[in-house]
Every structure is written in structure tokens, then in C-alpha cells.
Amino acid sequence: TVTALYEIVPVGVKGDFPGHVDPLKY
């Protein structure tokens, strides 16, 4: 057996999760 796990941030969730960047300006 082989297992892989993904952590997912659903659309609409607000918060500063690690790696989150601000929206682009240009």
C-alpha cells in the first residue's frame, strides 16, 4: 500500500496560511 496526503485550502477560506501572498497589483 502507498499513501499520499494533500492539505487543501478551500476557496473562500480567509486567513494567512503559510506561503500565502498578497494579490498582485499590476
mmCIF file of all heavy atoms, coordinates in Angstrom:
data_MODEL
# 
_entry.id   MODEL 
# 
loop_
_atom_site.group_PDB 
_atom_site.id 
_atom_site.type_symbol 
_atom_site.label_atom_id 
_atom_site.label_alt_id 
_atom_site.label_comp_id 
_atom_site.label_asym_id 
_atom_site.label_entity_id 
_atom_site.label_seq_id 
_atom_site.pdbx_PDB_ins_code 
_atom_site.Cartn_x 
_atom_site.Cartn_y 
_atom_site.Cartn_z 
_atom_site.occupancy 
_atom_site.B_iso_or_equiv 
_atom_site.pdbx_formal_charge 
_atom_site.auth_seq_id 
_atom_site.auth_comp_id 
_atom_site.auth_asym_id 
_atom_site.auth_atom_id 
_atom_site.pdbx_PDB_model_num 
ATOM 1   N N   . THR A 1 1  ? 0.848   -1.187 0.000   1.00 0.00 ? 1  THR A N   1 
ATOM 2   C CA  . THR A 1 1  ? 0.000   0.000  0.000   1.00 0.00 ? 1  THR A CA  1 
ATOM 3   C C   . THR A 1 1  ? 0.885   1.239  0.000   1.00 0.00 ? 1  THR A C   1 
ATOM 4   O O   . THR A 1 1  ? 1.942   1.260  0.625   1.00 0.00 ? 1  THR A O   1 
ATOM 5   C CB  . THR A 1 1  ? -0.936  0.054  1.229   1.00 0.00 ? 1  THR A CB  1 
ATOM 6   O OG1 . THR A 1 1  ? -0.147  0.085  2.429   1.00 0.00 ? 1  THR A OG1 1 
ATOM 7   C CG2 . THR A 1 1  ? -1.872  -1.132 1.261   1.00 0.00 ? 1  THR A CG2 1 
ATOM 8   N N   . VAL A 1 2  ? 0.455   2.263  -0.723  1.00 0.00 ? 2  VAL A N   1 
ATOM 9   C CA  . VAL A 1 2  ? 1.154   3.548  -0.765  1.00 0.00 ? 2  VAL A CA  1 
ATOM 10  C C   . VAL A 1 2  ? 0.132   4.640  -0.492  1.00 0.00 ? 2  VAL A C   1 
ATOM 11  O O   . VAL A 1 2  ? -0.966  4.629  -1.062  1.00 0.00 ? 2  VAL A O   1 
ATOM 12  C CB  . VAL A 1 2  ? 1.823   3.787  -2.137  1.00 0.00 ? 2  VAL A CB  1 
ATOM 13  C CG1 . VAL A 1 2  ? 2.387   5.201  -2.215  1.00 0.00 ? 2  VAL A CG1 1 
ATOM 14  C CG2 . VAL A 1 2  ? 2.931   2.777  -2.372  1.00 0.00 ? 2  VAL A CG2 1 
ATOM 15  N N   . THR A 1 3  ? 0.482   5.566  0.382   1.00 0.00 ? 3  THR A N   1 
ATOM 16  C CA  . THR A 1 3  ? -0.429  6.648  0.754   1.00 0.00 ? 3  THR A CA  1 
ATOM 17  C C   . THR A 1 3  ? 0.226   7.995  0.487   1.00 0.00 ? 3  THR A C   1 
ATOM 18  O O   . THR A 1 3  ? 1.409   8.189  0.782   1.00 0.00 ? 3  THR A O   1 
ATOM 19  C CB  . THR A 1 3  ? -0.816  6.554  2.234   1.00 0.00 ? 3  THR A CB  1 
ATOM 20  O OG1 . THR A 1 3  ? -1.530  5.335  2.461   1.00 0.00 ? 3  THR A OG1 1 
ATOM 21  C CG2 . THR A 1 3  ? -1.683  7.727  2.651   1.00 0.00 ? 3  THR A CG2 1 
ATOM 22  N N   . ALA A 1 4  ? -0.554  8.923  -0.061  1.00 0.00 ? 4  ALA A N   1 
ATOM 23  C CA  . ALA A 1 4  ? -0.121  10.316 -0.215  1.00 0.00 ? 4  ALA A CA  1 
ATOM 24  C C   . ALA A 1 4  ? -1.186  11.209 0.394   1.00 0.00 ? 4  ALA A C   1 
ATOM 25  O O   . ALA A 1 4  ? -2.389  10.953 0.245   1.00 0.00 ? 4  ALA A O   1 
ATOM 26  C CB  . ALA A 1 4  ? 0.092   10.655 -1.685  1.00 0.00 ? 4  ALA A CB  1 
ATOM 27  N N   . LEU A 1 5  ? -0.752  12.253 1.083   1.00 0.00 ? 5  LEU A N   1 
ATOM 28  C CA  . LEU A 1 5  ? -1.666  13.203 1.716   1.00 0.00 ? 5  LEU A CA  1 
ATOM 29  C C   . LEU A 1 5  ? -1.466  14.594 1.127   1.00 0.00 ? 5  LEU A C   1 
ATOM 30  O O   . LEU A 1 5  ? -0.328  15.051 0.940   1.00 0.00 ? 5  LEU A O   1 
ATOM 31  C CB  . LEU A 1 5  ? -1.431  13.267 3.227   1.00 0.00 ? 5  LEU A CB  1 
ATOM 32  C CG  . LEU A 1 5  ? -1.701  12.012 4.058   1.00 0.00 ? 5  LEU A CG  1 
ATOM 33  C CD1 . LEU A 1 5  ? -1.382  12.287 5.526   1.00 0.00 ? 5  LEU A CD1 1 
ATOM 34  C CD2 . LEU A 1 5  ? -3.145  11.556 3.907   1.00 0.00 ? 5  LEU A CD2 1 
ATOM 35  N N   . TYR A 1 6  ? -2.583  15.268 0.856   1.00 0.00 ? 6  TYR A N   1 
ATOM 36  C CA  . TYR A 1 6  ? -2.569  16.667 0.442   1.00 0.00 ? 6  TYR A CA  1 
ATOM 37  C C   . TYR A 1 6  ? -3.357  17.493 1.453   1.00 0.00 ? 6  TYR A C   1 
ATOM 38  O O   . TYR A 1 6  ? -4.486  17.132 1.816   1.00 0.00 ? 6  TYR A O   1 
ATOM 39  C CB  . TYR A 1 6  ? -3.212  16.841 -0.931  1.00 0.00 ? 6  TYR A CB  1 
ATOM 40  C CG  . TYR A 1 6  ? -2.343  16.448 -2.099  1.00 0.00 ? 6  TYR A CG  1 
ATOM 41  C CD1 . TYR A 1 6  ? -2.413  15.158 -2.628  1.00 0.00 ? 6  TYR A CD1 1 
ATOM 42  C CD2 . TYR A 1 6  ? -1.471  17.362 -2.691  1.00 0.00 ? 6  TYR A CD2 1 
ATOM 43  C CE1 . TYR A 1 6  ? -1.631  14.793 -3.723  1.00 0.00 ? 6  TYR A CE1 1 
ATOM 44  C CE2 . TYR A 1 6  ? -0.686  17.000 -3.779  1.00 0.00 ? 6  TYR A CE2 1 
ATOM 45  C CZ  . TYR A 1 6  ? -0.772  15.718 -4.288  1.00 0.00 ? 6  TYR A CZ  1 
ATOM 46  O OH  . TYR A 1 6  ? 0.010   15.361 -5.362  1.00 0.00 ? 6  TYR A OH  1 
ATOM 47  N N   . GLU A 1 7  ? -2.783  18.594 1.897   1.00 0.00 ? 7  GLU A N   1 
ATOM 48  C CA  . GLU A 1 7  ? -3.528  19.574 2.683   1.00 0.00 ? 7  GLU A CA  1 
ATOM 49  C C   . GLU A 1 7  ? -4.078  20.607 1.716   1.00 0.00 ? 7  GLU A C   1 
ATOM 50  O O   . GLU A 1 7  ? -3.344  21.154 0.881   1.00 0.00 ? 7  GLU A O   1 
ATOM 51  C CB  . GLU A 1 7  ? -2.650  20.245 3.728   1.00 0.00 ? 7  GLU A CB  1 
ATOM 52  C CG  . GLU A 1 7  ? -3.416  21.207 4.614   1.00 0.00 ? 7  GLU A CG  1 
ATOM 53  C CD  . GLU A 1 7  ? -2.574  21.802 5.736   1.00 0.00 ? 7  GLU A CD  1 
ATOM 54  O OE1 . GLU A 1 7  ? -1.425  21.351 5.923   1.00 0.00 ? 7  GLU A OE1 1 
ATOM 55  O OE2 . GLU A 1 7  ? -3.068  22.739 6.419   1.00 0.00 ? 7  GLU A OE2 1 
ATOM 56  N N   . ILE A 1 8  ? -5.370  20.882 1.810   1.00 0.00 ? 8  ILE A N   1 
ATOM 57  C CA  . ILE A 1 8  ? -6.060  21.741 0.848   1.00 0.00 ? 8  ILE A CA  1 
ATOM 58  C C   . ILE A 1 8  ? -6.697  22.924 1.563   1.00 0.00 ? 8  ILE A C   1 
ATOM 59  O O   . ILE A 1 8  ? -7.363  22.755 2.595   1.00 0.00 ? 8  ILE A O   1 
ATOM 60  C CB  . ILE A 1 8  ? -7.146  20.936 0.100   1.00 0.00 ? 8  ILE A CB  1 
ATOM 61  C CG1 . ILE A 1 8  ? -6.484  19.849 -0.756  1.00 0.00 ? 8  ILE A CG1 1 
ATOM 62  C CG2 . ILE A 1 8  ? -8.011  21.844 -0.763  1.00 0.00 ? 8  ILE A CG2 1 
ATOM 63  C CD1 . ILE A 1 8  ? -7.470  18.883 -1.374  1.00 0.00 ? 8  ILE A CD1 1 
ATOM 64  N N   . VAL A 1 9  ? -6.487  24.120 1.004   1.00 0.00 ? 9  VAL A N   1 
ATOM 65  C CA  . VAL A 1 9  ? -7.179  25.320 1.485   1.00 0.00 ? 9  VAL A CA  1 
ATOM 66  C C   . VAL A 1 9  ? -8.360  25.559 0.546   1.00 0.00 ? 9  VAL A C   1 
ATOM 67  O O   . VAL A 1 9  ? -8.165  25.902 -0.629  1.00 0.00 ? 9  VAL A O   1 
ATOM 68  C CB  . VAL A 1 9  ? -6.258  26.555 1.484   1.00 0.00 ? 9  VAL A CB  1 
ATOM 69  C CG1 . VAL A 1 9  ? -7.000  27.766 2.057   1.00 0.00 ? 9  VAL A CG1 1 
ATOM 70  C CG2 . VAL A 1 9  ? -4.987  26.276 2.282   1.00 0.00 ? 9  VAL A CG2 1 
ATOM 71  N N   . PRO A 1 10 ? -9.588  25.355 1.007   1.00 0.00 ? 10 PRO A N   1 
ATOM 72  C CA  . PRO A 1 10 ? -10.752 25.528 0.124   1.00 0.00 ? 10 PRO A CA  1 
ATOM 73  C C   . PRO A 1 10 ? -10.925 26.985 -0.303  1.00 0.00 ? 10 PRO A C   1 
ATOM 74  O O   . PRO A 1 10 ? -10.503 27.918 0.402   1.00 0.00 ? 10 PRO A O   1 
ATOM 75  C CB  . PRO A 1 10 ? -11.933 25.067 0.993   1.00 0.00 ? 10 PRO A CB  1 
ATOM 76  C CG  . PRO A 1 10 ? -11.321 24.252 2.095   1.00 0.00 ? 10 PRO A CG  1 
ATOM 77  C CD  . PRO A 1 10 ? -9.983  24.855 2.337   1.00 0.00 ? 10 PRO A CD  1 
ATOM 78  N N   . VAL A 1 11 ? -11.527 27.185 -1.458  1.00 0.00 ? 11 VAL A N   1 
ATOM 79  C CA  . VAL A 1 11 ? -11.865 28.527 -1.917  1.00 0.00 ? 11 VAL A CA  1 
ATOM 80  C C   . VAL A 1 11 ? -12.812 29.168 -0.909  1.00 0.00 ? 11 VAL A C   1 
ATOM 81  O O   . VAL A 1 11 ? -13.735 28.524 -0.405  1.00 0.00 ? 11 VAL A O   1 
ATOM 82  C CB  . VAL A 1 11 ? -12.513 28.464 -3.317  1.00 0.00 ? 11 VAL A CB  1 
ATOM 83  C CG1 . VAL A 1 11 ? -13.161 29.802 -3.662  1.00 0.00 ? 11 VAL A CG1 1 
ATOM 84  C CG2 . VAL A 1 11 ? -11.475 28.092 -4.362  1.00 0.00 ? 11 VAL A CG2 1 
ATOM 85  N N   . GLY A 1 12 ? -12.562 30.432 -0.583  1.00 0.00 ? 12 GLY A N   1 
ATOM 86  C CA  . GLY A 1 12 ? -13.413 31.159 0.356   1.00 0.00 ? 12 GLY A CA  1 
ATOM 87  C C   . GLY A 1 12 ? -12.883 31.211 1.768   1.00 0.00 ? 12 GLY A C   1 
ATOM 88  O O   . GLY A 1 12 ? -13.354 32.013 2.580   1.00 0.00 ? 12 GLY A O   1 
ATOM 89  N N   . VAL A 1 13 ? -11.896 30.362 2.083   1.00 0.00 ? 13 VAL A N   1 
ATOM 90  C CA  . VAL A 1 13 ? -11.300 30.382 3.420   1.00 0.00 ? 13 VAL A CA  1 
ATOM 91  C C   . VAL A 1 13 ? -10.350 31.564 3.526   1.00 0.00 ? 13 VAL A C   1 
ATOM 92  O O   . VAL A 1 13 ? -9.456  31.746 2.693   1.00 0.00 ? 13 VAL A O   1 
ATOM 93  C CB  . VAL A 1 13 ? -10.537 29.072 3.709   1.00 0.00 ? 13 VAL A CB  1 
ATOM 94  C CG1 . VAL A 1 13 ? -9.733  29.197 4.999   1.00 0.00 ? 13 VAL A CG1 1 
ATOM 95  C CG2 . VAL A 1 13 ? -11.518 27.916 3.806   1.00 0.00 ? 13 VAL A CG2 1 
ATOM 96  N N   . LYS A 1 14 ? -10.554 32.393 4.538   1.00 0.00 ? 14 LYS A N   1 
ATOM 97  C CA  . LYS A 1 14 ? -9.693  33.547 4.751   1.00 0.00 ? 14 LYS A CA  1 
ATOM 98  C C   . LYS A 1 14 ? -8.696  33.235 5.864   1.00 0.00 ? 14 LYS A C   1 
ATOM 99  O O   . LYS A 1 14 ? -8.980  32.500 6.784   1.00 0.00 ? 14 LYS A O   1 
ATOM 100 C CB  . LYS A 1 14 ? -10.526 34.776 5.108   1.00 0.00 ? 14 LYS A CB  1 
ATOM 101 C CG  . LYS A 1 14 ? -11.455 35.236 3.989   1.00 0.00 ? 14 LYS A CG  1 
ATOM 102 C CD  . LYS A 1 14 ? -12.234 36.481 4.379   1.00 0.00 ? 14 LYS A CD  1 
ATOM 103 C CE  . LYS A 1 14 ? -13.143 36.932 3.232   1.00 0.00 ? 14 LYS A CE  1 
ATOM 104 N NZ  . LYS A 1 14 ? -13.914 38.159 3.584   1.00 0.00 ? 14 LYS A NZ  1 
ATOM 105 N N   . GLY A 1 15 ? -7.541  33.808 5.737   1.00 0.00 ? 15 GLY A N   1 
ATOM 106 C CA  . GLY A 1 15 ? -6.525  33.563 6.760   1.00 0.00 ? 15 GLY A CA  1 
ATOM 107 C C   . GLY A 1 15 ? -5.158  33.490 6.121   1.00 0.00 ? 15 GLY A C   1 
ATOM 108 O O   . GLY A 1 15 ? -5.016  33.216 4.917   1.00 0.00 ? 15 GLY A O   1 
ATOM 109 N N   . ASP A 1 16 ? -4.152  33.787 6.903   1.00 0.00 ? 16 ASP A N   1 
ATOM 110 C CA  . ASP A 1 16 ? -2.780  33.785 6.411   1.00 0.00 ? 16 ASP A CA  1 
ATOM 111 C C   . ASP A 1 16 ? -2.154  32.413 6.613   1.00 0.00 ? 16 ASP A C   1 
ATOM 112 O O   . ASP A 1 16 ? -1.418  32.188 7.566   1.00 0.00 ? 16 ASP A O   1 
ATOM 113 C CB  . ASP A 1 16 ? -1.958  34.862 7.143   1.00 0.00 ? 16 ASP A CB  1 
ATOM 114 C CG  . ASP A 1 16 ? -2.460  36.257 6.835   1.00 0.00 ? 16 ASP A CG  1 
ATOM 115 O OD1 . ASP A 1 16 ? -2.952  36.458 5.722   1.00 0.00 ? 16 ASP A OD1 1 
ATOM 116 O OD2 . ASP A 1 16 ? -2.359  37.138 7.713   1.00 0.00 ? 16 ASP A OD2 1 
ATOM 117 N N   . PHE A 1 17 ? -2.476  31.481 5.724   1.00 0.00 ? 17 PHE A N   1 
ATOM 118 C CA  . PHE A 1 17 ? -1.841  30.175 5.799   1.00 0.00 ? 17 PHE A CA  1 
ATOM 119 C C   . PHE A 1 17 ? -0.392  30.318 5.316   1.00 0.00 ? 17 PHE A C   1 
ATOM 120 O O   . PHE A 1 17 ? -0.071  31.228 4.550   1.00 0.00 ? 17 PHE A O   1 
ATOM 121 C CB  . PHE A 1 17 ? -2.602  29.144 4.976   1.00 0.00 ? 17 PHE A CB  1 
ATOM 122 C CG  . PHE A 1 17 ? -2.807  29.514 3.529   1.00 0.00 ? 17 PHE A CG  1 
ATOM 123 C CD1 . PHE A 1 17 ? -1.841  29.231 2.570   1.00 0.00 ? 17 PHE A CD1 1 
ATOM 124 C CD2 . PHE A 1 17 ? -3.980  30.149 3.123   1.00 0.00 ? 17 PHE A CD2 1 
ATOM 125 C CE1 . PHE A 1 17 ? -2.026  29.562 1.246   1.00 0.00 ? 17 PHE A CE1 1 
ATOM 126 C CE2 . PHE A 1 17 ? -4.167  30.482 1.786   1.00 0.00 ? 17 PHE A CE2 1 
ATOM 127 C CZ  . PHE A 1 17 ? -3.194  30.193 0.852   1.00 0.00 ? 17 PHE A CZ  1 
ATOM 128 N N   . PRO A 1 18 ? 0.500   29.445 5.764   1.00 0.00 ? 18 PRO A N   1 
ATOM 129 C CA  . PRO A 1 18 ? 1.909   29.544 5.367   1.00 0.00 ? 18 PRO A CA  1 
ATOM 130 C C   . PRO A 1 18 ? 2.069   29.541 3.851   1.00 0.00 ? 18 PRO A C   1 
ATOM 131 O O   . PRO A 1 18 ? 1.503   28.686 3.161   1.00 0.00 ? 18 PRO A O   1 
ATOM 132 C CB  . PRO A 1 18 ? 2.544   28.285 5.985   1.00 0.00 ? 18 PRO A CB  1 
ATOM 133 C CG  . PRO A 1 18 ? 1.655   27.938 7.125   1.00 0.00 ? 18 PRO A CG  1 
ATOM 134 C CD  . PRO A 1 18 ? 0.275   28.323 6.686   1.00 0.00 ? 18 PRO A CD  1 
ATOM 135 N N   . GLY A 1 19 ? 2.795   30.523 3.332   1.00 0.00 ? 19 GLY A N   1 
ATOM 136 C CA  . GLY A 1 19 ? 3.012   30.608 1.898   1.00 0.00 ? 19 GLY A CA  1 
ATOM 137 C C   . GLY A 1 19 ? 2.025   31.515 1.183   1.00 0.00 ? 19 GLY A C   1 
ATOM 138 O O   . GLY A 1 19 ? 2.162   31.775 -0.011  1.00 0.00 ? 19 GLY A O   1 
ATOM 139 N N   . HIS A 1 20 ? 1.044   32.028 1.897   1.00 0.00 ? 20 HIS A N   1 
ATOM 140 C CA  . HIS A 1 20 ? 0.047   32.917 1.297   1.00 0.00 ? 20 HIS A CA  1 
ATOM 141 C C   . HIS A 1 20 ? 0.695   34.249 0.917   1.00 0.00 ? 20 HIS A C   1 
ATOM 142 O O   . HIS A 1 20 ? 1.494   34.803 1.662   1.00 0.00 ? 20 HIS A O   1 
ATOM 143 C CB  . HIS A 1 20 ? -1.098  33.150 2.290   1.00 0.00 ? 20 HIS A CB  1 
ATOM 144 C CG  . HIS A 1 20 ? -2.171  34.056 1.772   1.00 0.00 ? 20 HIS A CG  1 
ATOM 145 N ND1 . HIS A 1 20 ? -2.201  35.402 2.058   1.00 0.00 ? 20 HIS A ND1 1 
ATOM 146 C CD2 . HIS A 1 20 ? -3.241  33.807 0.973   1.00 0.00 ? 20 HIS A CD2 1 
ATOM 147 C CE1 . HIS A 1 20 ? -3.254  35.955 1.474   1.00 0.00 ? 20 HIS A CE1 1 
ATOM 148 N NE2 . HIS A 1 20 ? -3.894  34.996 0.822   1.00 0.00 ? 20 HIS A NE2 1 
ATOM 149 N N   . VAL A 1 21 ? 0.346   34.763 -0.282  1.00 0.00 ? 21 VAL A N   1 
ATOM 150 C CA  . VAL A 1 21 ? 0.885   36.048 -0.735  1.00 0.00 ? 21 VAL A CA  1 
ATOM 151 C C   . VAL A 1 21 ? -0.266  36.994 -1.033  1.00 0.00 ? 21 VAL A C   1 
ATOM 152 O O   . VAL A 1 21 ? -1.403  36.576 -1.284  1.00 0.00 ? 21 VAL A O   1 
ATOM 153 C CB  . VAL A 1 21 ? 1.768   35.874 -1.995  1.00 0.00 ? 21 VAL A CB  1 
ATOM 154 C CG1 . VAL A 1 21 ? 2.990   35.036 -1.688  1.00 0.00 ? 21 VAL A CG1 1 
ATOM 155 C CG2 . VAL A 1 21 ? 0.977   35.264 -3.145  1.00 0.00 ? 21 VAL A CG2 1 
ATOM 156 N N   . ASP A 1 22 ? 0.051   38.281 -1.021  1.00 0.00 ? 22 ASP A N   1 
ATOM 157 C CA  . ASP A 1 22 ? -0.962  39.297 -1.311  1.00 0.00 ? 22 ASP A CA  1 
ATOM 158 C C   . ASP A 1 22 ? -1.335  39.271 -2.792  1.00 0.00 ? 22 ASP A C   1 
ATOM 159 O O   . ASP A 1 22 ? -0.545  38.841 -3.643  1.00 0.00 ? 22 ASP A O   1 
ATOM 160 C CB  . ASP A 1 22 ? -0.431  40.687 -0.953  1.00 0.00 ? 22 ASP A CB  1 
ATOM 161 C CG  . ASP A 1 22 ? -0.213  40.846 0.546   1.00 0.00 ? 22 ASP A CG  1 
ATOM 162 O OD1 . ASP A 1 22 ? -0.917  40.148 1.306   1.00 0.00 ? 22 ASP A OD1 1 
ATOM 163 O OD2 . ASP A 1 22 ? 0.656   41.642 0.940   1.00 0.00 ? 22 ASP A OD2 1 
ATOM 164 N N   . PRO A 1 23 ? -2.539  39.774 -3.131  1.00 0.00 ? 23 PRO A N   1 
ATOM 165 C CA  . PRO A 1 23 ? -2.943  39.846 -4.544  1.00 0.00 ? 23 PRO A CA  1 
ATOM 166 C C   . PRO A 1 23 ? -1.981  40.737 -5.324  1.00 0.00 ? 23 PRO A C   1 
ATOM 167 O O   . PRO A 1 23 ? -1.393  41.689 -4.794  1.00 0.00 ? 23 PRO A O   1 
ATOM 168 C CB  . PRO A 1 23 ? -4.345  40.458 -4.471  1.00 0.00 ? 23 PRO A CB  1 
ATOM 169 C CG  . PRO A 1 23 ? -4.821  40.173 -3.081  1.00 0.00 ? 23 PRO A CG  1 
ATOM 170 C CD  . PRO A 1 23 ? -3.605  40.208 -2.228  1.00 0.00 ? 23 PRO A CD  1 
ATOM 171 N N   . LEU A 1 24 ? -1.801  40.431 -6.612  1.00 0.00 ? 24 LEU A N   1 
ATOM 172 C CA  . LEU A 1 24 ? -0.924  41.219 -7.468  1.00 0.00 ? 24 LEU A CA  1 
ATOM 173 C C   . LEU A 1 24 ? -1.553  42.577 -7.779  1.00 0.00 ? 24 LEU A C   1 
ATOM 174 O O   . LEU A 1 24 ? -2.778  42.712 -7.860  1.00 0.00 ? 24 LEU A O   1 
ATOM 175 C CB  . LEU A 1 24 ? -0.643  40.463 -8.766  1.00 0.00 ? 24 LEU A CB  1 
ATOM 176 C CG  . LEU A 1 24 ? 0.116   39.135 -8.621  1.00 0.00 ? 24 LEU A CG  1 
ATOM 177 C CD1 . LEU A 1 24 ? 0.287   38.485 -9.989  1.00 0.00 ? 24 LEU A CD1 1 
ATOM 178 C CD2 . LEU A 1 24 ? 1.453   39.339 -7.950  1.00 0.00 ? 24 LEU A CD2 1 
ATOM 179 N N   . LYS A 1 25 ? -0.692  43.579 -7.975  1.00 0.00 ? 25 LYS A N   1 
ATOM 180 C CA  . LYS A 1 25 ? -1.148  44.943 -8.229  1.00 0.00 ? 25 LYS A CA  1 
ATOM 181 C C   . LYS A 1 25 ? -1.343  45.208 -9.713  1.00 0.00 ? 25 LYS A C   1 
ATOM 182 O O   . LYS A 1 25 ? -2.256  45.917 -10.113 1.00 0.00 ? 25 LYS A O   1 
ATOM 183 C CB  . LYS A 1 25 ? -0.144  45.921 -7.646  1.00 0.00 ? 25 LYS A CB  1 
ATOM 184 C CG  . LYS A 1 25 ? -0.509  47.392 -7.826  1.00 0.00 ? 25 LYS A CG  1 
ATOM 185 C CD  . LYS A 1 25 ? 0.528   48.292 -7.164  1.00 0.00 ? 25 LYS A CD  1 
ATOM 186 C CE  . LYS A 1 25 ? 0.157   49.766 -7.345  1.00 0.00 ? 25 LYS A CE  1 
ATOM 187 N NZ  . LYS A 1 25 ? 1.158   50.653 -6.706  1.00 0.00 ? 25 LYS A NZ  1 
ATOM 188 N N   . TYR A 1 26 ? -0.471  44.637 -10.554 1.00 0.00 ? 26 TYR A N   1 
ATOM 189 C CA  . TYR A 1 26 ? -0.439  45.016 -11.963 1.00 0.00 ? 26 TYR A CA  1 
ATOM 190 C C   . TYR A 1 26 ? -1.020  43.974 -12.917 1.00 0.00 ? 26 TYR A C   1 
ATOM 191 O O   . TYR A 1 26 ? -1.006  44.168 -14.122 1.00 0.00 ? 26 TYR A O   1 
ATOM 192 C CB  . TYR A 1 26 ? 1.004   45.330 -12.385 1.00 0.00 ? 26 TYR A CB  1 
ATOM 193 C CG  . TYR A 1 26 ? 1.597   46.469 -11.588 1.00 0.00 ? 26 TYR A CG  1 
ATOM 194 C CD1 . TYR A 1 26 ? 2.587   46.226 -10.652 1.00 0.00 ? 26 TYR A CD1 1 
ATOM 195 C CD2 . TYR A 1 26 ? 1.125   47.774 -11.753 1.00 0.00 ? 26 TYR A CD2 1 
ATOM 196 C CE1 . TYR A 1 26 ? 3.129   47.263 -9.912  1.00 0.00 ? 26 TYR A CE1 1 
ATOM 197 C CE2 . TYR A 1 26 ? 1.656   48.811 -11.007 1.00 0.00 ? 26 TYR A CE2 1 
ATOM 198 C CZ  . TYR A 1 26 ? 2.664   48.560 -10.086 1.00 0.00 ? 26 TYR A CZ  1 
ATOM 199 O OH  . TYR A 1 26 ? 3.171   49.584 -9.347  1.00 0.00 ? 26 TYR A OH  1 
# 
